[in-house]
Amino acid sequence: MAIFISFKFRLLLLYTPFRHAVLEQELIERIRADDPRAFKELFDSNATLVHNVCFRMLGNRQDAEDVTQEVFLEAYKSLKRFRFESKLSTWLYRIAVNRSLNHQRKRKLERWLSLDFEANEDRAENMAFPGTGADAPDSIVEKKETERIVQESIATLPERQRTALLLHRYEDLPYQEIAEIMDVTVASVESLLHRAKHALAKKLVPLKEEL
């Protein structure tokens, strides 16, 4: 009987999602046991994921790097309370989104208090549309300009619509995971995305007319 159970367990380990969940649990237990190498493994495996979502939310590389550090600091402090109710990556996404939104609110307040309403040039430079090596210079410039306008339009969407759209468009996350990250229902995610796409289409009508 024990041999049969062991064999079934080995078969389950071959099933990638199950194996991934087991490895995640082992990693978290090592971090909780103060294994210094374990948290480095967590950071190395997820830093790009976290930085990407922070950058998409904030539109500025330096801000994204700062918030990424905050995300992992919060993760380190909170891992002892992690209850394995979601994937580790989903949990990190949620922290990254919340930290990014808090950072945006703080920046808006700072701009209001200082009456600094100048455009953020760094944002336009960083939000470049990736071109291929075969693209002509004019085509690359046009794509960059198009993506800059799209990003600026996305930035004007209501907070929840913008978050759902960024997670769906750039992070390519399924509705269920977006719902877990935003702590809403799947139906709410569908509604937010529908409204965001509708609003974005209206904002981009002038761009379509120019092209």
N, C-alpha and C. Protein backbone atom coordinates (compact mmCIF):
# COMPACT_ATOMS: atom_id res chain seq x y z
N MET A 1 0.83 -1.21 0.00
CA MET A 1 0.00 0.00 0.00
C MET A 1 0.86 1.26 0.00
N ALA A 2 1.88 1.27 0.88
CA ALA A 2 2.78 2.42 0.97
C ALA A 2 3.50 2.64 -0.35
N ILE A 3 3.89 1.53 -1.00
CA ILE A 3 4.59 1.62 -2.28
C ILE A 3 3.67 2.24 -3.33
N PHE A 4 2.36 1.84 -3.31
CA PHE A 4 1.39 2.36 -4.26
C PHE A 4 1.19 3.86 -4.07
N ILE A 5 1.06 4.30 -2.80
CA ILE A 5 0.89 5.72 -2.50
C ILE A 5 2.10 6.51 -2.95
N SER A 6 3.29 5.98 -2.68
CA SER A 6 4.51 6.66 -3.09
C SER A 6 4.56 6.79 -4.60
N PHE A 7 4.14 5.74 -5.31
CA PHE A 7 4.15 5.78 -6.77
C PHE A 7 3.16 6.84 -7.28
N LYS A 8 1.95 6.91 -6.66
CA LYS A 8 0.97 7.91 -7.05
C LYS A 8 1.50 9.32 -6.79
N PHE A 9 2.22 9.50 -5.69
CA PHE A 9 2.77 10.82 -5.38
C PHE A 9 3.81 11.23 -6.42
N ARG A 10 4.64 10.26 -6.84
CA ARG A 10 5.64 10.57 -7.86
C ARG A 10 4.97 10.93 -9.18
N LEU A 11 3.87 10.27 -9.49
CA LEU A 11 3.13 10.61 -10.71
C LEU A 11 2.57 12.03 -10.62
N LEU A 12 2.05 12.39 -9.45
CA LEU A 12 1.53 13.74 -9.26
C LEU A 12 2.61 14.79 -9.44
N LEU A 13 3.82 14.47 -9.00
CA LEU A 13 4.93 15.41 -9.13
C LEU A 13 5.27 15.68 -10.59
N LEU A 14 4.93 14.70 -11.44
CA LEU A 14 5.17 14.90 -12.88
C LEU A 14 4.14 15.85 -13.48
N TYR A 15 3.03 16.06 -12.79
CA TYR A 15 2.01 16.98 -13.24
C TYR A 15 2.45 18.39 -12.86
N THR A 16 2.80 19.21 -13.85
CA THR A 16 3.51 20.47 -13.63
C THR A 16 2.85 21.40 -12.61
N PRO A 17 1.53 21.71 -12.70
CA PRO A 17 0.94 22.62 -11.70
C PRO A 17 1.09 22.11 -10.27
N PHE A 18 0.91 20.80 -10.08
CA PHE A 18 1.04 20.23 -8.74
C PHE A 18 2.49 20.34 -8.27
N ARG A 19 3.41 20.00 -9.15
CA ARG A 19 4.84 20.07 -8.80
C ARG A 19 5.23 21.50 -8.46
N HIS A 20 4.71 22.46 -9.24
CA HIS A 20 5.03 23.87 -9.00
C HIS A 20 4.51 24.29 -7.62
N ALA A 21 3.30 23.84 -7.27
CA ALA A 21 2.72 24.20 -5.97
C ALA A 21 3.55 23.62 -4.82
N VAL A 22 4.03 22.39 -5.01
CA VAL A 22 4.86 21.75 -3.99
C VAL A 22 6.17 22.52 -3.81
N LEU A 23 6.79 22.90 -4.92
CA LEU A 23 8.05 23.64 -4.86
C LEU A 23 7.85 25.01 -4.22
N GLU A 24 6.72 25.66 -4.51
CA GLU A 24 6.42 26.96 -3.90
C GLU A 24 6.27 26.81 -2.39
N GLN A 25 5.57 25.77 -1.97
CA GLN A 25 5.37 25.56 -0.54
C GLN A 25 6.71 25.30 0.16
N GLU A 26 7.55 24.50 -0.47
CA GLU A 26 8.87 24.21 0.10
C GLU A 26 9.69 25.50 0.22
N LEU A 27 9.63 26.34 -0.83
CA LEU A 27 10.38 27.60 -0.81
C LEU A 27 9.90 28.50 0.32
N ILE A 28 8.60 28.62 0.48
CA ILE A 28 8.04 29.48 1.53
C ILE A 28 8.40 28.95 2.92
N GLU A 29 8.36 27.64 3.08
CA GLU A 29 8.74 27.06 4.37
C GLU A 29 10.21 27.33 4.68
N ARG A 30 11.06 27.30 3.67
CA ARG A 30 12.49 27.62 3.87
C ARG A 30 12.67 29.07 4.28
N ILE A 31 11.89 29.97 3.65
CA ILE A 31 11.97 31.39 4.02
C ILE A 31 11.52 31.59 5.46
N ARG A 32 10.44 30.90 5.82
CA ARG A 32 9.94 31.00 7.20
C ARG A 32 10.94 30.45 8.21
N ALA A 33 11.78 29.52 7.74
CA ALA A 33 12.80 28.95 8.61
C ALA A 33 14.10 29.77 8.58
N ASP A 34 14.02 30.97 7.96
CA ASP A 34 15.15 31.91 7.90
C ASP A 34 16.33 31.38 7.09
N ASP A 35 16.03 30.64 6.03
CA ASP A 35 17.08 30.22 5.09
C ASP A 35 17.41 31.43 4.22
N PRO A 36 18.61 32.02 4.33
CA PRO A 36 18.94 33.25 3.59
C PRO A 36 18.94 33.05 2.07
N ARG A 37 19.18 31.85 1.60
CA ARG A 37 19.19 31.61 0.16
C ARG A 37 17.79 31.53 -0.42
N ALA A 38 16.82 31.18 0.41
CA ALA A 38 15.45 30.97 -0.08
C ALA A 38 14.82 32.26 -0.57
N PHE A 39 14.98 33.35 0.20
CA PHE A 39 14.36 34.60 -0.23
C PHE A 39 15.04 35.12 -1.49
N LYS A 40 16.33 34.90 -1.65
CA LYS A 40 17.01 35.29 -2.88
C LYS A 40 16.43 34.53 -4.07
N GLU A 41 16.11 33.26 -3.87
CA GLU A 41 15.49 32.47 -4.93
C GLU A 41 14.13 33.05 -5.29
N LEU A 42 13.37 33.44 -4.27
CA LEU A 42 12.06 34.05 -4.51
C LEU A 42 12.21 35.34 -5.31
N PHE A 43 13.18 36.16 -4.92
CA PHE A 43 13.40 37.43 -5.62
C PHE A 43 13.85 37.20 -7.06
N ASP A 44 14.82 36.33 -7.24
CA ASP A 44 15.35 36.07 -8.59
C ASP A 44 14.27 35.52 -9.52
N SER A 45 13.37 34.72 -8.99
CA SER A 45 12.34 34.09 -9.81
C SER A 45 11.19 35.03 -10.16
N ASN A 46 11.00 36.06 -9.33
CA ASN A 46 9.80 36.89 -9.50
C ASN A 46 10.08 38.38 -9.70
N ALA A 47 11.33 38.80 -9.64
CA ALA A 47 11.64 40.23 -9.74
C ALA A 47 11.19 40.82 -11.07
N THR A 48 11.40 40.12 -12.16
CA THR A 48 11.01 40.64 -13.47
C THR A 48 9.49 40.78 -13.56
N LEU A 49 8.78 39.78 -13.07
CA LEU A 49 7.31 39.82 -13.07
C LEU A 49 6.81 41.05 -12.31
N VAL A 50 7.34 41.25 -11.11
CA VAL A 50 6.90 42.36 -10.27
C VAL A 50 7.28 43.70 -10.89
N HIS A 51 8.51 43.80 -11.38
CA HIS A 51 8.97 45.06 -11.97
C HIS A 51 8.12 45.42 -13.19
N ASN A 52 7.79 44.42 -14.01
CA ASN A 52 7.00 44.68 -15.21
C ASN A 52 5.63 45.27 -14.88
N VAL A 53 4.96 44.68 -13.90
CA VAL A 53 3.62 45.19 -13.58
C VAL A 53 3.71 46.57 -12.94
N CYS A 54 4.74 46.80 -12.12
CA CYS A 54 4.93 48.13 -11.52
C CYS A 54 5.21 49.17 -12.60
N PHE A 55 6.03 48.79 -13.57
CA PHE A 55 6.36 49.72 -14.66
C PHE A 55 5.13 50.04 -15.49
N ARG A 56 4.33 49.02 -15.77
CA ARG A 56 3.11 49.25 -16.55
C ARG A 56 2.14 50.15 -15.80
N MET A 57 2.08 49.99 -14.48
CA MET A 57 1.17 50.79 -13.68
C MET A 57 1.66 52.23 -13.52
N LEU A 58 2.99 52.40 -13.41
CA LEU A 58 3.55 53.70 -13.06
C LEU A 58 4.13 54.46 -14.26
N GLY A 59 4.59 53.73 -15.28
CA GLY A 59 5.12 54.40 -16.47
C GLY A 59 6.46 55.07 -16.28
N ASN A 60 7.18 54.71 -15.25
CA ASN A 60 8.48 55.32 -14.98
C ASN A 60 9.40 54.27 -14.38
N ARG A 61 10.57 54.08 -14.97
CA ARG A 61 11.45 52.99 -14.55
C ARG A 61 11.96 53.16 -13.12
N GLN A 62 12.34 54.38 -12.75
CA GLN A 62 12.86 54.59 -11.41
C GLN A 62 11.79 54.34 -10.36
N ASP A 63 10.58 54.83 -10.61
CA ASP A 63 9.47 54.57 -9.69
C ASP A 63 9.20 53.07 -9.60
N ALA A 64 9.25 52.40 -10.75
CA ALA A 64 8.98 50.95 -10.77
C ALA A 64 10.03 50.19 -9.95
N GLU A 65 11.29 50.62 -10.06
CA GLU A 65 12.35 49.96 -9.28
C GLU A 65 12.14 50.19 -7.78
N ASP A 66 11.77 51.42 -7.42
CA ASP A 66 11.54 51.73 -6.00
C ASP A 66 10.38 50.90 -5.44
N VAL A 67 9.29 50.84 -6.20
CA VAL A 67 8.11 50.11 -5.73
C VAL A 67 8.38 48.61 -5.71
N THR A 68 9.18 48.12 -6.65
CA THR A 68 9.55 46.70 -6.65
C THR A 68 10.25 46.34 -5.34
N GLN A 69 11.14 47.21 -4.89
CA GLN A 69 11.82 46.97 -3.61
C GLN A 69 10.80 46.94 -2.47
N GLU A 70 9.83 47.85 -2.52
CA GLU A 70 8.80 47.88 -1.48
C GLU A 70 7.96 46.60 -1.48
N VAL A 71 7.67 46.09 -2.69
CA VAL A 71 6.87 44.87 -2.82
C VAL A 71 7.55 43.70 -2.14
N PHE A 72 8.85 43.54 -2.40
CA PHE A 72 9.56 42.39 -1.83
C PHE A 72 9.81 42.57 -0.33
N LEU A 73 9.92 43.81 0.10
CA LEU A 73 10.03 44.05 1.55
C LEU A 73 8.73 43.66 2.24
N GLU A 74 7.60 44.06 1.65
CA GLU A 74 6.31 43.68 2.22
C GLU A 74 6.12 42.17 2.16
N ALA A 75 6.53 41.55 1.04
CA ALA A 75 6.40 40.10 0.90
C ALA A 75 7.19 39.38 1.99
N TYR A 76 8.40 39.85 2.24
CA TYR A 76 9.26 39.23 3.26
C TYR A 76 8.59 39.30 4.65
N LYS A 77 8.00 40.46 4.93
CA LYS A 77 7.37 40.64 6.24
C LYS A 77 6.07 39.85 6.36
N SER A 78 5.41 39.59 5.22
CA SER A 78 4.07 38.99 5.25
C SER A 78 4.05 37.50 4.97
N LEU A 79 5.17 36.92 4.55
CA LEU A 79 5.17 35.51 4.15
C LEU A 79 4.75 34.57 5.28
N LYS A 80 5.00 34.96 6.51
CA LYS A 80 4.61 34.10 7.63
C LYS A 80 3.10 33.95 7.71
N ARG A 81 2.37 34.91 7.07
CA ARG A 81 0.90 34.85 7.09
C ARG A 81 0.34 34.33 5.77
N PHE A 82 1.20 33.93 4.85
CA PHE A 82 0.74 33.41 3.56
C PHE A 82 0.01 32.09 3.79
N ARG A 83 -1.23 31.99 3.27
CA ARG A 83 -2.09 30.84 3.59
C ARG A 83 -2.27 29.87 2.41
N PHE A 84 -1.51 30.05 1.35
CA PHE A 84 -1.56 29.13 0.20
C PHE A 84 -2.95 29.06 -0.43
N GLU A 85 -3.71 30.16 -0.34
CA GLU A 85 -5.03 30.19 -0.95
C GLU A 85 -4.96 30.63 -2.41
N SER A 86 -3.81 31.10 -2.85
CA SER A 86 -3.59 31.49 -4.24
C SER A 86 -2.16 31.15 -4.60
N LYS A 87 -1.84 31.26 -5.88
CA LYS A 87 -0.46 31.06 -6.30
C LYS A 87 0.41 32.17 -5.72
N LEU A 88 1.66 31.86 -5.50
CA LEU A 88 2.58 32.87 -4.98
C LEU A 88 2.67 34.06 -5.93
N SER A 89 2.70 33.80 -7.24
CA SER A 89 2.79 34.88 -8.21
C SER A 89 1.55 35.78 -8.15
N THR A 90 0.37 35.18 -7.94
CA THR A 90 -0.86 35.98 -7.83
C THR A 90 -0.79 36.88 -6.61
N TRP A 91 -0.29 36.34 -5.51
CA TRP A 91 -0.13 37.11 -4.28
C TRP A 91 0.84 38.28 -4.49
N LEU A 92 1.94 38.02 -5.20
CA LEU A 92 2.92 39.09 -5.48
C LEU A 92 2.33 40.14 -6.42
N TYR A 93 1.56 39.69 -7.41
CA TYR A 93 0.87 40.63 -8.30
C TYR A 93 -0.02 41.57 -7.49
N ARG A 94 -0.76 40.99 -6.52
CA ARG A 94 -1.69 41.80 -5.73
C ARG A 94 -0.92 42.87 -4.93
N ILE A 95 0.18 42.48 -4.32
CA ILE A 95 0.99 43.45 -3.58
C ILE A 95 1.53 44.52 -4.53
N ALA A 96 2.01 44.10 -5.71
CA ALA A 96 2.58 45.03 -6.68
C ALA A 96 1.53 46.04 -7.15
N VAL A 97 0.33 45.55 -7.45
CA VAL A 97 -0.74 46.45 -7.90
C VAL A 97 -1.10 47.44 -6.80
N ASN A 98 -1.29 46.96 -5.58
CA ASN A 98 -1.67 47.85 -4.48
C ASN A 98 -0.58 48.86 -4.17
N ARG A 99 0.68 48.42 -4.17
CA ARG A 99 1.79 49.34 -3.91
C ARG A 99 1.90 50.39 -5.02
N SER A 100 1.69 49.97 -6.26
CA SER A 100 1.76 50.90 -7.39
C SER A 100 0.64 51.93 -7.31
N LEU A 101 -0.56 51.49 -6.98
CA LEU A 101 -1.68 52.42 -6.86
C LEU A 101 -1.44 53.41 -5.72
N ASN A 102 -0.92 52.92 -4.61
CA ASN A 102 -0.60 53.82 -3.48
C ASN A 102 0.45 54.83 -3.88
N HIS A 103 1.45 54.37 -4.65
CA HIS A 103 2.51 55.27 -5.10
C HIS A 103 1.94 56.35 -6.03
N GLN A 104 1.03 55.95 -6.90
CA GLN A 104 0.40 56.92 -7.81
C GLN A 104 -0.39 57.96 -7.05
N ARG A 105 -1.14 57.50 -6.05
CA ARG A 105 -1.95 58.44 -5.26
C ARG A 105 -1.05 59.43 -4.52
N LYS A 106 0.06 58.91 -4.00
CA LYS A 106 1.00 59.78 -3.28
C LYS A 106 1.61 60.81 -4.21
N ARG A 107 1.98 60.37 -5.42
CA ARG A 107 2.57 61.29 -6.39
C ARG A 107 1.56 62.36 -6.82
N LYS A 108 0.31 61.96 -7.01
CA LYS A 108 -0.71 62.93 -7.41
C LYS A 108 -0.90 63.98 -6.32
N LEU A 109 -0.88 63.53 -5.07
CA LEU A 109 -1.01 64.46 -3.95
C LEU A 109 0.19 65.40 -3.91
N GLU A 110 1.39 64.87 -4.12
CA GLU A 110 2.60 65.71 -4.11
C GLU A 110 2.55 66.75 -5.23
N ARG A 111 2.07 66.32 -6.42
CA ARG A 111 1.98 67.27 -7.53
C ARG A 111 0.96 68.36 -7.23
N TRP A 112 -0.13 67.94 -6.59
CA TRP A 112 -1.17 68.92 -6.24
C TRP A 112 -0.64 69.94 -5.24
N LEU A 113 0.06 69.44 -4.21
CA LEU A 113 0.56 70.33 -3.16
C LEU A 113 1.65 71.26 -3.69
N SER A 114 2.44 70.77 -4.65
CA SER A 114 3.52 71.61 -5.18
C SER A 114 3.11 72.38 -6.43
N LEU A 115 1.86 72.14 -6.88
CA LEU A 115 1.35 72.76 -8.11
C LEU A 115 2.24 72.46 -9.30
N ASP A 116 2.79 71.24 -9.27
CA ASP A 116 3.67 70.82 -10.36
C ASP A 116 2.87 69.94 -11.31
N PHE A 117 2.44 70.51 -12.43
CA PHE A 117 1.63 69.77 -13.39
C PHE A 117 2.36 69.59 -14.72
N GLU A 118 3.68 69.61 -14.67
CA GLU A 118 4.44 69.43 -15.91
C GLU A 118 4.36 67.98 -16.37
N ALA A 119 4.39 67.79 -17.67
CA ALA A 119 4.32 66.44 -18.24
C ALA A 119 5.56 65.65 -17.86
N ASN A 120 5.37 64.37 -17.65
CA ASN A 120 6.47 63.49 -17.29
C ASN A 120 7.15 62.97 -18.57
N GLU A 121 8.26 63.60 -18.96
CA GLU A 121 8.92 63.22 -20.20
C GLU A 121 9.52 61.82 -20.11
N ASP A 122 9.95 61.46 -18.90
CA ASP A 122 10.55 60.13 -18.74
C ASP A 122 9.55 59.04 -19.09
N ARG A 123 8.29 59.30 -18.82
CA ARG A 123 7.25 58.31 -19.10
C ARG A 123 7.15 58.03 -20.59
N ALA A 124 7.18 59.10 -21.37
CA ALA A 124 7.09 58.93 -22.82
C ALA A 124 8.29 58.18 -23.38
N GLU A 125 9.46 58.42 -22.82
CA GLU A 125 10.66 57.74 -23.30
C GLU A 125 10.63 56.26 -22.96
N ASN A 126 10.15 55.93 -21.76
CA ASN A 126 10.19 54.54 -21.30
C ASN A 126 9.13 53.66 -21.93
N MET A 127 7.99 54.26 -22.31
CA MET A 127 6.89 53.47 -22.84
C MET A 127 7.05 53.26 -24.34
N ALA A 128 8.19 52.76 -24.76
CA ALA A 128 8.45 52.53 -26.18
C ALA A 128 7.80 51.26 -26.65
N PHE A 129 7.26 51.32 -27.86
CA PHE A 129 6.67 50.13 -28.46
C PHE A 129 7.78 49.31 -29.08
N PRO A 130 7.92 48.02 -28.73
CA PRO A 130 9.03 47.22 -29.25
C PRO A 130 8.92 47.00 -30.75
N GLY A 131 9.92 47.43 -31.50
CA GLY A 131 9.94 47.21 -32.93
C GLY A 131 10.85 46.05 -33.27
N THR A 132 10.72 45.52 -34.47
CA THR A 132 11.57 44.43 -34.90
C THR A 132 12.76 44.99 -35.66
N GLY A 133 13.77 44.17 -35.81
CA GLY A 133 14.96 44.60 -36.51
C GLY A 133 14.69 44.97 -37.96
N ALA A 134 13.59 44.43 -38.52
CA ALA A 134 13.30 44.69 -39.91
C ALA A 134 12.54 45.99 -40.11
N ASP A 135 12.09 46.63 -39.03
CA ASP A 135 11.32 47.86 -39.16
C ASP A 135 12.18 49.00 -39.67
N ALA A 136 11.61 49.80 -40.55
CA ALA A 136 12.29 51.00 -41.03
C ALA A 136 12.23 52.04 -39.93
N PRO A 137 13.18 53.01 -39.92
CA PRO A 137 13.19 54.04 -38.87
C PRO A 137 11.86 54.76 -38.73
N ASP A 138 11.23 55.13 -39.86
CA ASP A 138 9.95 55.83 -39.80
C ASP A 138 8.88 54.97 -39.15
N SER A 139 8.91 53.67 -39.46
CA SER A 139 7.93 52.75 -38.89
C SER A 139 8.13 52.62 -37.38
N ILE A 140 9.39 52.55 -36.94
CA ILE A 140 9.69 52.44 -35.50
C ILE A 140 9.20 53.68 -34.76
N VAL A 141 9.48 54.85 -35.33
CA VAL A 141 9.05 56.10 -34.71
C VAL A 141 7.54 56.15 -34.61
N GLU A 142 6.87 55.71 -35.69
CA GLU A 142 5.40 55.73 -35.72
C GLU A 142 4.83 54.79 -34.66
N LYS A 143 5.44 53.61 -34.52
CA LYS A 143 4.97 52.65 -33.52
C LYS A 143 5.18 53.18 -32.11
N LYS A 144 6.33 53.81 -31.88
CA LYS A 144 6.61 54.38 -30.56
C LYS A 144 5.59 55.47 -30.23
N GLU A 145 5.31 56.32 -31.22
CA GLU A 145 4.37 57.40 -31.00
C GLU A 145 2.96 56.86 -30.74
N THR A 146 2.58 55.83 -31.50
CA THR A 146 1.27 55.21 -31.31
C THR A 146 1.14 54.62 -29.91
N GLU A 147 2.17 53.87 -29.50
CA GLU A 147 2.11 53.26 -28.17
C GLU A 147 2.14 54.30 -27.07
N ARG A 148 2.86 55.39 -27.29
CA ARG A 148 2.88 56.46 -26.29
C ARG A 148 1.47 57.03 -26.10
N ILE A 149 0.78 57.25 -27.21
CA ILE A 149 -0.58 57.79 -27.14
C ILE A 149 -1.51 56.79 -26.46
N VAL A 150 -1.34 55.50 -26.80
CA VAL A 150 -2.17 54.46 -26.17
C VAL A 150 -1.93 54.44 -24.67
N GLN A 151 -0.65 54.50 -24.27
CA GLN A 151 -0.33 54.47 -22.84
C GLN A 151 -0.89 55.68 -22.12
N GLU A 152 -0.81 56.84 -22.74
CA GLU A 152 -1.34 58.04 -22.10
C GLU A 152 -2.86 57.96 -21.99
N SER A 153 -3.50 57.34 -22.97
CA SER A 153 -4.95 57.16 -22.91
C SER A 153 -5.32 56.18 -21.80
N ILE A 154 -4.56 55.09 -21.68
CA ILE A 154 -4.80 54.12 -20.61
C ILE A 154 -4.65 54.79 -19.24
N ALA A 155 -3.67 55.68 -19.13
CA ALA A 155 -3.41 56.34 -17.85
C ALA A 155 -4.57 57.21 -17.39
N THR A 156 -5.43 57.63 -18.32
CA THR A 156 -6.56 58.49 -17.95
C THR A 156 -7.80 57.69 -17.55
N LEU A 157 -7.75 56.36 -17.71
CA LEU A 157 -8.90 55.53 -17.34
C LEU A 157 -9.08 55.51 -15.82
N PRO A 158 -10.29 55.25 -15.34
CA PRO A 158 -10.49 55.07 -13.89
C PRO A 158 -9.56 53.97 -13.37
N GLU A 159 -9.20 54.09 -12.12
CA GLU A 159 -8.17 53.23 -11.52
C GLU A 159 -8.42 51.74 -11.72
N ARG A 160 -9.62 51.28 -11.43
CA ARG A 160 -9.90 49.85 -11.51
C ARG A 160 -9.94 49.36 -12.95
N GLN A 161 -10.48 50.18 -13.85
CA GLN A 161 -10.47 49.81 -15.27
C GLN A 161 -9.04 49.72 -15.79
N ARG A 162 -8.22 50.69 -15.41
CA ARG A 162 -6.82 50.71 -15.87
C ARG A 162 -6.07 49.48 -15.36
N THR A 163 -6.28 49.14 -14.10
CA THR A 163 -5.60 47.98 -13.53
C THR A 163 -5.98 46.70 -14.25
N ALA A 164 -7.27 46.50 -14.46
CA ALA A 164 -7.73 45.28 -15.14
C ALA A 164 -7.18 45.21 -16.56
N LEU A 165 -7.18 46.34 -17.26
CA LEU A 165 -6.70 46.36 -18.65
C LEU A 165 -5.21 46.07 -18.74
N LEU A 166 -4.43 46.65 -17.85
CA LEU A 166 -2.98 46.42 -17.86
C LEU A 166 -2.64 44.97 -17.55
N LEU A 167 -3.33 44.40 -16.57
CA LEU A 167 -3.07 43.00 -16.22
C LEU A 167 -3.47 42.06 -17.35
N HIS A 168 -4.52 42.42 -18.07
CA HIS A 168 -4.99 41.58 -19.16
C HIS A 168 -4.16 41.77 -20.42
N ARG A 169 -3.90 43.03 -20.78
CA ARG A 169 -3.23 43.31 -22.05
C ARG A 169 -1.73 43.03 -22.00
N TYR A 170 -1.08 43.46 -20.94
CA TYR A 170 0.38 43.38 -20.89
C TYR A 170 0.89 42.16 -20.12
N GLU A 171 0.17 41.76 -19.07
CA GLU A 171 0.61 40.60 -18.31
C GLU A 171 -0.04 39.30 -18.81
N ASP A 172 -1.03 39.45 -19.68
CA ASP A 172 -1.69 38.30 -20.32
C ASP A 172 -2.25 37.32 -19.28
N LEU A 173 -2.85 37.88 -18.23
CA LEU A 173 -3.40 37.04 -17.17
C LEU A 173 -4.84 36.66 -17.46
N PRO A 174 -5.26 35.46 -17.08
CA PRO A 174 -6.66 35.05 -17.26
C PRO A 174 -7.57 35.84 -16.32
N TYR A 175 -8.85 35.89 -16.67
CA TYR A 175 -9.81 36.65 -15.88
C TYR A 175 -9.83 36.21 -14.42
N GLN A 176 -9.74 34.89 -14.19
CA GLN A 176 -9.81 34.37 -12.83
C GLN A 176 -8.67 34.91 -11.97
N GLU A 177 -7.46 34.95 -12.52
CA GLU A 177 -6.32 35.44 -11.75
C GLU A 177 -6.41 36.95 -11.53
N ILE A 178 -6.89 37.68 -12.54
CA ILE A 178 -7.09 39.12 -12.37
C ILE A 178 -8.10 39.36 -11.25
N ALA A 179 -9.15 38.55 -11.22
CA ALA A 179 -10.16 38.68 -10.16
C ALA A 179 -9.55 38.46 -8.78
N GLU A 180 -8.67 37.46 -8.66
CA GLU A 180 -8.01 37.19 -7.38
C GLU A 180 -7.10 38.34 -6.99
N ILE A 181 -6.37 38.88 -7.95
CA ILE A 181 -5.46 39.99 -7.66
C ILE A 181 -6.21 41.22 -7.20
N MET A 182 -7.34 41.52 -7.88
CA MET A 182 -8.11 42.73 -7.58
C MET A 182 -9.16 42.51 -6.50
N ASP A 183 -9.31 41.24 -6.05
CA ASP A 183 -10.29 40.89 -5.02
C ASP A 183 -11.71 41.25 -5.46
N VAL A 184 -12.04 40.84 -6.70
CA VAL A 184 -13.38 41.04 -7.24
C VAL A 184 -13.82 39.73 -7.91
N THR A 185 -15.04 39.71 -8.42
CA THR A 185 -15.52 38.52 -9.13
C THR A 185 -15.04 38.54 -10.57
N VAL A 186 -15.11 37.38 -11.22
CA VAL A 186 -14.75 37.30 -12.64
C VAL A 186 -15.70 38.18 -13.46
N ALA A 187 -16.97 38.20 -13.10
CA ALA A 187 -17.95 39.03 -13.80
C ALA A 187 -17.56 40.51 -13.71
N SER A 188 -17.03 40.92 -12.55
CA SER A 188 -16.58 42.31 -12.39
C SER A 188 -15.40 42.61 -13.29
N VAL A 189 -14.48 41.66 -13.41
CA VAL A 189 -13.33 41.83 -14.30
C VAL A 189 -13.81 42.00 -15.74
N GLU A 190 -14.75 41.15 -16.15
CA GLU A 190 -15.29 41.24 -17.51
C GLU A 190 -15.92 42.61 -17.75
N SER A 191 -16.66 43.09 -16.77
CA SER A 191 -17.31 44.39 -16.88
C SER A 191 -16.29 45.52 -16.95
N LEU A 192 -15.27 45.45 -16.08
CA LEU A 192 -14.23 46.48 -16.07
C LEU A 192 -13.49 46.53 -17.41
N LEU A 193 -13.18 45.34 -17.95
CA LEU A 193 -12.47 45.29 -19.23
C LEU A 193 -13.33 45.81 -20.36
N HIS A 194 -14.60 45.48 -20.33
CA HIS A 194 -15.52 45.96 -21.38
C HIS A 194 -15.59 47.48 -21.36
N ARG A 195 -15.76 48.05 -20.16
CA ARG A 195 -15.85 49.51 -20.05
C ARG A 195 -14.53 50.18 -20.40
N ALA A 196 -13.41 49.55 -19.99
CA ALA A 196 -12.09 50.12 -20.29
C ALA A 196 -11.84 50.15 -21.79
N LYS A 197 -12.14 49.04 -22.47
CA LYS A 197 -11.92 48.97 -23.92
C LYS A 197 -12.82 49.94 -24.67
N HIS A 198 -14.06 50.08 -24.20
CA HIS A 198 -14.99 51.02 -24.83
C HIS A 198 -14.49 52.46 -24.67
N ALA A 199 -14.07 52.80 -23.44
CA ALA A 199 -13.56 54.15 -23.18
C ALA A 199 -12.29 54.41 -23.97
N LEU A 200 -11.42 53.40 -24.03
CA LEU A 200 -10.15 53.55 -24.75
C LEU A 200 -10.40 53.75 -26.24
N ALA A 201 -11.35 53.01 -26.78
CA ALA A 201 -11.66 53.14 -28.21
C ALA A 201 -12.12 54.56 -28.54
N LYS A 202 -12.93 55.15 -27.65
CA LYS A 202 -13.41 56.52 -27.86
C LYS A 202 -12.26 57.52 -27.80
N LYS A 203 -11.33 57.28 -26.87
CA LYS A 203 -10.20 58.19 -26.73
C LYS A 203 -9.26 58.12 -27.94
N LEU A 204 -9.22 56.94 -28.59
CA LEU A 204 -8.27 56.73 -29.67
C LEU A 204 -8.85 57.01 -31.06
N VAL A 205 -10.10 57.44 -31.12
CA VAL A 205 -10.70 57.77 -32.41
C VAL A 205 -9.88 58.82 -33.17
N PRO A 206 -9.44 59.92 -32.52
CA PRO A 206 -8.63 60.92 -33.24
C PRO A 206 -7.35 60.31 -33.81
N LEU A 207 -6.73 59.36 -33.08
CA LEU A 207 -5.51 58.72 -33.56
C LEU A 207 -5.80 57.93 -34.82
N LYS A 208 -6.91 57.17 -34.83
CA LYS A 208 -7.26 56.37 -36.00
C LYS A 208 -7.47 57.26 -37.22
N GLU A 209 -8.06 58.43 -37.00
CA GLU A 209 -8.32 59.33 -38.11
C GLU A 209 -7.05 59.89 -38.71
N GLU A 210 -6.00 60.02 -37.85
CA GLU A 210 -4.72 60.56 -38.33
C GLU A 210 -3.94 59.54 -39.10
N LEU A 211 -4.10 58.22 -38.76
CA LEU A 211 -3.28 57.18 -39.38
C LEU A 211 -3.81 56.78 -40.75
